[in-house]
Each structure stands twice: as structure tokens, then as C-alpha cells.
């Protein structure tokens, strides 16, 4: 089977992808905290697919009234992307 991706590998990929520039685990920065994102979304049906798309395509997000590109993760590996989605939803 596929090897499990550790928490530290997930965080390392997120750092490399610049996620923590706008998001923190606990507190709000330019983007909402991962805890808030998880609380708001974890019970929504289809949320994994929605987050997967958000993390692999250039989408526009609004930050302090300005439209900005939300950069995709710096990986094309589906297992890594799913691991990041799960990490976010389990904060």
C-alpha cells in the first residue's frame, strides 16, 4: 500500500508551498486559521474534493478587500495533496 505521509512531511510541503505565509494553525493572519477552516468545513459533504481542487488550481481569494491568486501546492502527488487536505480538516 501507499506509505503514510507524516505530519512533519505535510508541514514541510505546506511551508515549501508558502501556506503559512497567510494561514496559521491557531490564529488568523491574512487568511483564516486552519482551526477555523476545519471547524467551518469538516462536516460538509464533498469538502475533500473541494479542498483538493482549491489546493491544486489557481483560484482567486479576497484578502482585506483585494483579490489575490491562491497559489496551488508545490506538488502534483495525489497522496501528498490528500494528506494536506486531511491535515487541514483534522485541526
N, C-alpha and C. Protein backbone atom coordinates (compact mmCIF):
# COMPACT_ATOMS: atom_id res chain seq x y z
N UNK A 1 0.82 -1.21 0.00
CA UNK A 1 0.00 0.00 0.00
C UNK A 1 0.86 1.26 0.00
N UNK A 2 0.21 2.37 -0.17
CA UNK A 2 0.92 3.66 -0.19
C UNK A 2 1.43 3.97 1.22
N UNK A 3 2.59 4.54 1.28
CA UNK A 3 3.17 4.92 2.56
C UNK A 3 2.42 6.11 3.14
N UNK A 4 2.18 6.05 4.42
CA UNK A 4 1.52 7.19 5.08
C UNK A 4 2.47 8.37 5.08
N UNK A 5 1.91 9.54 4.95
CA UNK A 5 2.72 10.76 4.94
C UNK A 5 2.63 11.38 6.33
N UNK A 6 3.78 11.56 6.94
CA UNK A 6 3.81 12.04 8.32
C UNK A 6 3.41 13.51 8.43
N UNK A 7 3.01 13.88 9.63
CA UNK A 7 2.67 15.26 9.95
C UNK A 7 3.79 16.22 9.55
N UNK A 8 5.02 15.84 9.87
CA UNK A 8 6.14 16.74 9.57
C UNK A 8 6.38 16.85 8.06
N UNK A 9 6.12 15.78 7.32
CA UNK A 9 6.24 15.86 5.85
C UNK A 9 5.15 16.76 5.27
N UNK A 10 3.95 16.65 5.83
CA UNK A 10 2.85 17.51 5.39
C UNK A 10 3.20 18.98 5.66
N UNK A 11 3.65 19.28 6.88
CA UNK A 11 4.01 20.66 7.23
C UNK A 11 5.16 21.18 6.37
N UNK A 12 6.11 20.32 6.09
CA UNK A 12 7.25 20.69 5.25
C UNK A 12 6.78 21.08 3.84
N UNK A 13 5.87 20.30 3.28
CA UNK A 13 5.31 20.61 1.96
C UNK A 13 4.51 21.92 2.02
N UNK A 14 3.75 22.11 3.10
CA UNK A 14 2.97 23.34 3.23
C UNK A 14 3.88 24.56 3.38
N UNK A 15 5.00 24.41 4.10
CA UNK A 15 5.97 25.51 4.23
C UNK A 15 6.55 25.84 2.87
N UNK A 16 6.98 24.79 2.15
CA UNK A 16 7.56 24.95 0.82
C UNK A 16 6.56 25.63 -0.12
N UNK A 17 5.29 25.35 0.07
CA UNK A 17 4.24 25.91 -0.78
C UNK A 17 3.77 27.28 -0.30
N UNK A 18 4.36 27.77 0.80
CA UNK A 18 4.06 29.10 1.33
C UNK A 18 2.70 29.24 2.01
N UNK A 19 2.08 28.11 2.41
CA UNK A 19 0.75 28.16 3.04
C UNK A 19 0.76 28.99 4.32
N UNK A 20 1.86 28.87 5.08
CA UNK A 20 1.90 29.51 6.39
C UNK A 20 2.17 31.02 6.31
N UNK A 21 2.37 31.52 5.10
CA UNK A 21 2.51 32.96 4.92
C UNK A 21 1.18 33.65 5.24
N UNK A 22 0.07 32.98 4.86
CA UNK A 22 -1.25 33.59 5.07
C UNK A 22 -2.10 32.87 6.10
N UNK A 23 -1.76 31.61 6.41
CA UNK A 23 -2.54 30.82 7.36
C UNK A 23 -1.65 30.34 8.50
N UNK A 24 -2.18 30.36 9.71
CA UNK A 24 -1.51 29.75 10.86
C UNK A 24 -2.44 28.67 11.40
N UNK A 25 -1.90 27.78 12.24
CA UNK A 25 -2.75 26.72 12.80
C UNK A 25 -3.84 27.30 13.69
N UNK A 26 -3.46 28.20 14.59
CA UNK A 26 -4.38 28.67 15.62
C UNK A 26 -4.93 30.07 15.40
N UNK A 27 -4.13 30.95 14.81
CA UNK A 27 -4.59 32.34 14.77
C UNK A 27 -4.78 32.83 13.34
N UNK A 28 -5.61 33.84 13.20
CA UNK A 28 -5.92 34.42 11.90
C UNK A 28 -4.76 35.30 11.45
N UNK A 29 -4.37 35.11 10.23
CA UNK A 29 -3.40 36.02 9.59
C UNK A 29 -4.16 36.69 8.45
N UNK A 30 -3.57 36.78 7.26
CA UNK A 30 -4.34 37.30 6.12
C UNK A 30 -5.47 36.34 5.77
N UNK A 31 -5.21 35.04 5.98
CA UNK A 31 -6.24 34.03 5.75
C UNK A 31 -6.67 33.46 7.09
N UNK A 32 -7.79 32.77 7.12
CA UNK A 32 -8.27 32.19 8.39
C UNK A 32 -7.33 31.11 8.91
N UNK A 33 -7.37 30.87 10.21
CA UNK A 33 -6.53 29.82 10.81
C UNK A 33 -7.03 28.46 10.34
N UNK A 34 -6.14 27.47 10.37
CA UNK A 34 -6.54 26.12 9.97
C UNK A 34 -7.60 25.57 10.91
N UNK A 35 -7.55 25.94 12.17
CA UNK A 35 -8.59 25.50 13.11
C UNK A 35 -9.96 26.02 12.67
N UNK A 36 -10.04 27.32 12.32
CA UNK A 36 -11.32 27.89 11.86
C UNK A 36 -11.79 27.22 10.57
N UNK A 37 -10.86 26.99 9.66
CA UNK A 37 -11.21 26.35 8.39
C UNK A 37 -11.79 24.96 8.67
N UNK A 38 -11.13 24.21 9.56
CA UNK A 38 -11.60 22.85 9.89
C UNK A 38 -12.97 22.88 10.54
N UNK A 39 -13.13 23.76 11.53
CA UNK A 39 -14.41 23.85 12.24
C UNK A 39 -15.56 24.17 11.29
N UNK A 40 -15.29 25.07 10.35
CA UNK A 40 -16.33 25.53 9.43
C UNK A 40 -16.65 24.48 8.36
N UNK A 41 -15.67 23.67 7.98
CA UNK A 41 -15.83 22.83 6.80
C UNK A 41 -15.86 21.33 7.00
N UNK A 42 -15.36 20.83 8.14
CA UNK A 42 -15.12 19.38 8.22
C UNK A 42 -16.35 18.52 8.03
N UNK A 43 -17.55 19.03 8.34
CA UNK A 43 -18.75 18.19 8.21
C UNK A 43 -19.47 18.38 6.87
N UNK A 44 -18.95 19.25 6.00
CA UNK A 44 -19.59 19.48 4.71
C UNK A 44 -19.38 18.28 3.79
N UNK A 45 -20.44 17.82 3.12
CA UNK A 45 -20.25 16.74 2.15
C UNK A 45 -19.41 17.22 0.96
N UNK A 46 -18.51 16.36 0.49
CA UNK A 46 -17.71 16.71 -0.68
C UNK A 46 -16.58 17.69 -0.42
N UNK A 47 -16.32 17.99 0.85
CA UNK A 47 -15.32 19.02 1.17
C UNK A 47 -13.91 18.60 0.75
N UNK A 48 -13.59 17.30 0.84
CA UNK A 48 -12.25 16.85 0.43
C UNK A 48 -11.99 17.21 -1.03
N UNK A 49 -12.97 16.93 -1.90
CA UNK A 49 -12.81 17.22 -3.33
C UNK A 49 -12.69 18.73 -3.56
N UNK A 50 -13.48 19.49 -2.82
CA UNK A 50 -13.44 20.96 -2.93
C UNK A 50 -12.06 21.50 -2.53
N UNK A 51 -11.55 21.02 -1.39
CA UNK A 51 -10.22 21.45 -0.93
C UNK A 51 -9.13 20.97 -1.88
N UNK A 52 -9.27 19.75 -2.38
CA UNK A 52 -8.28 19.20 -3.33
C UNK A 52 -8.16 20.15 -4.53
N UNK A 53 -9.31 20.57 -5.07
CA UNK A 53 -9.32 21.49 -6.21
C UNK A 53 -8.69 22.83 -5.82
N UNK A 54 -9.06 23.34 -4.64
CA UNK A 54 -8.55 24.63 -4.17
C UNK A 54 -7.02 24.58 -4.03
N UNK A 55 -6.49 23.42 -3.65
CA UNK A 55 -5.04 23.29 -3.41
C UNK A 55 -4.26 22.90 -4.66
N UNK A 56 -4.95 22.67 -5.79
CA UNK A 56 -4.23 22.25 -7.00
C UNK A 56 -4.48 23.17 -8.19
N UNK A 57 -5.31 24.18 -8.03
CA UNK A 57 -5.58 25.11 -9.13
C UNK A 57 -5.38 26.55 -8.65
N UNK A 58 -5.16 27.45 -9.57
CA UNK A 58 -5.06 28.87 -9.20
C UNK A 58 -6.48 29.39 -9.03
N UNK A 59 -6.85 29.70 -7.81
CA UNK A 59 -8.15 30.31 -7.57
C UNK A 59 -7.90 31.70 -7.00
N UNK A 60 -8.90 32.56 -7.14
CA UNK A 60 -8.77 33.90 -6.59
C UNK A 60 -9.42 33.93 -5.21
N UNK A 61 -8.71 34.54 -4.26
CA UNK A 61 -9.26 34.72 -2.92
C UNK A 61 -9.23 36.20 -2.60
N UNK A 62 -10.07 36.61 -1.65
CA UNK A 62 -10.09 38.02 -1.27
C UNK A 62 -9.38 38.18 0.06
N UNK A 63 -8.36 39.02 0.07
CA UNK A 63 -7.60 39.31 1.29
C UNK A 63 -7.69 40.81 1.56
N UNK A 64 -8.33 41.13 2.66
CA UNK A 64 -8.50 42.54 3.04
C UNK A 64 -9.04 43.38 1.87
N UNK A 65 -10.04 42.84 1.21
CA UNK A 65 -10.68 43.58 0.12
C UNK A 65 -9.96 43.52 -1.21
N UNK A 66 -8.79 42.89 -1.26
CA UNK A 66 -8.05 42.77 -2.52
C UNK A 66 -8.14 41.34 -3.05
N UNK A 67 -8.29 41.21 -4.36
CA UNK A 67 -8.29 39.88 -4.98
C UNK A 67 -6.83 39.44 -5.19
N UNK A 68 -6.55 38.22 -4.78
CA UNK A 68 -5.20 37.67 -4.97
C UNK A 68 -5.30 36.24 -5.44
N UNK A 69 -4.25 35.78 -6.14
CA UNK A 69 -4.19 34.38 -6.53
C UNK A 69 -3.87 33.53 -5.31
N UNK A 70 -4.61 32.44 -5.15
CA UNK A 70 -4.28 31.46 -4.11
C UNK A 70 -3.40 30.43 -4.79
N UNK A 71 -2.13 30.39 -4.41
CA UNK A 71 -1.16 29.51 -5.06
C UNK A 71 -1.47 28.04 -4.77
N UNK A 72 -1.33 27.18 -5.79
CA UNK A 72 -1.51 25.75 -5.54
C UNK A 72 -0.32 25.17 -4.77
N UNK A 73 -0.51 23.98 -4.20
CA UNK A 73 0.59 23.29 -3.53
C UNK A 73 1.69 22.98 -4.52
N UNK A 74 2.92 22.97 -4.03
CA UNK A 74 4.06 22.68 -4.90
C UNK A 74 4.30 21.16 -4.98
N UNK A 75 3.25 20.44 -5.36
CA UNK A 75 3.35 19.00 -5.61
C UNK A 75 2.22 18.61 -6.55
N UNK A 76 2.45 17.56 -7.31
CA UNK A 76 1.41 17.00 -8.17
C UNK A 76 1.02 15.61 -7.65
N UNK A 77 1.61 15.19 -6.53
CA UNK A 77 1.39 13.86 -5.99
C UNK A 77 0.04 13.80 -5.27
N UNK A 78 -0.92 13.01 -5.80
CA UNK A 78 -2.26 12.96 -5.20
C UNK A 78 -2.24 12.54 -3.72
N UNK A 79 -1.36 11.63 -3.35
CA UNK A 79 -1.30 11.19 -1.95
C UNK A 79 -0.87 12.33 -1.04
N UNK A 80 0.11 13.13 -1.49
CA UNK A 80 0.57 14.28 -0.71
C UNK A 80 -0.54 15.33 -0.58
N UNK A 81 -1.24 15.57 -1.69
CA UNK A 81 -2.31 16.57 -1.68
C UNK A 81 -3.42 16.14 -0.72
N UNK A 82 -3.81 14.85 -0.81
CA UNK A 82 -4.85 14.33 0.10
C UNK A 82 -4.40 14.41 1.56
N UNK A 83 -3.11 14.18 1.80
CA UNK A 83 -2.58 14.26 3.17
C UNK A 83 -2.70 15.68 3.71
N UNK A 84 -2.44 16.68 2.87
CA UNK A 84 -2.58 18.08 3.30
C UNK A 84 -4.06 18.38 3.60
N UNK A 85 -4.96 17.93 2.72
CA UNK A 85 -6.39 18.15 2.94
C UNK A 85 -6.80 17.54 4.28
N UNK A 86 -6.38 16.32 4.57
CA UNK A 86 -6.73 15.66 5.82
C UNK A 86 -6.13 16.39 7.03
N UNK A 87 -4.89 16.85 6.86
CA UNK A 87 -4.23 17.60 7.94
C UNK A 87 -5.06 18.83 8.29
N UNK A 88 -5.48 19.57 7.25
CA UNK A 88 -6.25 20.80 7.47
C UNK A 88 -7.58 20.47 8.17
N UNK A 89 -8.27 19.44 7.69
CA UNK A 89 -9.61 19.13 8.21
C UNK A 89 -9.58 18.52 9.61
N UNK A 90 -8.41 18.11 10.08
CA UNK A 90 -8.33 17.49 11.41
C UNK A 90 -7.69 18.41 12.46
N UNK A 91 -7.59 19.69 12.16
CA UNK A 91 -7.02 20.61 13.15
C UNK A 91 -7.97 20.74 14.32
